[in-house]
Amino acid sequence: MIATLHIEHEITDYTTWKVAFDRFADARRQAGVIDHRIRLEEDDDHHIVIDLDFDSTARARAFAAYLHDTVWGTTKAPAFLGTPITRVLVAADVGRT
């Protein structure tokens, strides 16, 4: 089962944010991220959406906790603004009848 950690938040500058995001590639890999997608809103290049795919909801929730507790709100998150919205998503038919 693929679980996706869906993240939305505001940024000051995409280039600065992307450099910081890339620095955390090893942390994402060690946490079990198997794929990711980055999107900006069409009319707002300060609102970013990131989807991180994991092989379980437990890993997705654990990485969300790491981001909230260790990364966001510190100097480790340059160009980061506001409070992120995070959700763990699974396919609609997983575990449902």
Protein backbone atom coordinates (compact mmCIF):
# COMPACT_ATOMS: atom_id res chain seq x y z
CA MET A 1 0.00 0.00 0.00
CA ILE A 2 1.28 3.46 -0.86
CA ALA A 3 0.66 6.21 1.68
CA THR A 4 1.23 9.82 0.71
CA LEU A 5 2.22 12.56 3.11
CA HIS A 6 0.56 15.61 1.56
CA ILE A 7 2.04 18.93 2.70
CA GLU A 8 0.95 22.48 1.89
CA HIS A 9 2.62 25.64 3.14
CA GLU A 10 3.74 29.13 2.22
CA ILE A 11 7.29 29.98 1.17
CA THR A 12 9.15 33.23 0.61
CA ASP A 13 11.20 32.08 -2.37
CA TYR A 14 11.12 28.83 -4.35
CA THR A 15 14.83 28.73 -5.21
CA THR A 16 15.88 29.12 -1.56
CA TRP A 17 13.25 26.62 -0.45
CA LYS A 18 14.34 24.05 -3.08
CA VAL A 19 17.99 24.21 -2.00
CA ALA A 20 16.88 23.43 1.57
CA PHE A 21 14.52 20.68 0.37
CA ASP A 22 17.36 19.05 -1.58
CA ARG A 23 19.62 19.10 1.52
CA PHE A 24 17.11 16.78 3.21
CA ALA A 25 17.24 14.11 0.48
CA ASP A 26 19.09 11.66 2.75
CA ALA A 27 16.64 12.23 5.62
CA ARG A 28 13.72 11.56 3.27
CA ARG A 29 15.36 8.41 1.92
CA GLN A 30 16.16 7.12 5.43
CA ALA A 31 12.56 7.82 6.49
CA GLY A 32 11.31 5.64 3.66
CA VAL A 33 10.23 8.17 1.02
CA ILE A 34 9.99 6.24 -2.23
CA ASP A 35 8.86 9.10 -4.49
CA HIS A 36 7.93 12.76 -4.28
CA ARG A 37 6.19 15.49 -6.24
CA ILE A 38 6.51 19.25 -5.80
CA ARG A 39 3.91 21.66 -7.13
CA LEU A 40 3.25 25.37 -6.95
CA GLU A 41 -0.15 26.93 -7.35
CA GLU A 42 -0.65 28.29 -10.84
CA ASP A 43 -1.25 31.86 -9.67
CA ASP A 44 0.71 31.87 -6.41
CA ASP A 45 4.37 30.88 -6.47
CA HIS A 46 4.52 31.29 -2.69
CA HIS A 47 2.15 28.38 -1.96
CA ILE A 48 3.83 25.00 -2.34
CA VAL A 49 2.39 21.51 -2.31
CA ILE A 50 4.59 18.48 -1.69
CA ASP A 51 3.53 14.84 -1.87
CA LEU A 52 5.90 12.29 -0.32
CA ASP A 53 5.12 8.62 -0.97
CA PHE A 54 5.85 5.88 1.61
CA ASP A 55 5.19 2.16 1.79
CA SER A 56 3.07 2.55 4.94
CA THR A 57 0.96 5.08 6.80
CA ALA A 58 3.13 4.56 9.88
CA ARG A 59 6.22 5.80 8.02
CA ALA A 60 4.29 8.76 6.59
CA ARG A 61 2.98 9.75 10.03
CA ALA A 62 6.44 9.34 11.57
CA PHE A 63 8.01 11.63 8.97
CA ALA A 64 5.25 14.21 9.47
CA ALA A 65 6.03 14.18 13.20
CA TYR A 66 9.75 14.62 12.43
CA LEU A 67 9.00 17.61 10.21
CA HIS A 68 6.72 19.23 12.80
CA ASP A 69 9.00 18.55 15.77
CA THR A 70 12.49 18.90 14.30
CA VAL A 71 12.50 20.86 11.04
CA TRP A 72 9.69 23.40 10.81
CA GLY A 73 10.06 26.41 13.03
CA THR A 74 13.85 26.14 13.09
CA THR A 75 16.62 27.61 11.00
CA LYS A 76 16.66 24.27 9.16
CA ALA A 77 13.66 25.49 7.14
CA PRO A 78 14.74 28.58 5.19
CA ALA A 79 12.10 30.30 3.06
CA PHE A 80 9.42 28.57 5.12
CA LEU A 81 6.40 30.62 6.23
CA GLY A 82 3.36 29.91 8.33
CA THR A 83 1.91 26.72 9.63
CA PRO A 84 1.92 23.74 7.27
CA ILE A 85 -1.11 21.63 6.53
CA THR A 86 -0.26 17.93 6.50
CA ARG A 87 -2.40 14.92 5.71
CA VAL A 88 -1.64 11.24 5.22
CA LEU A 89 -3.53 9.97 2.18
CA VAL A 90 -4.20 6.44 0.92
CA ALA A 91 -6.03 5.13 -2.13
CA ALA A 92 -9.80 5.37 -1.72
CA ASP A 93 -10.31 1.62 -2.08
CA VAL A 94 -7.71 0.54 0.51
CA GLY A 95 -9.44 -1.23 3.38
CA ARG A 96 -12.89 -0.12 2.27
CA THR A 97 -15.72 -2.20 0.93
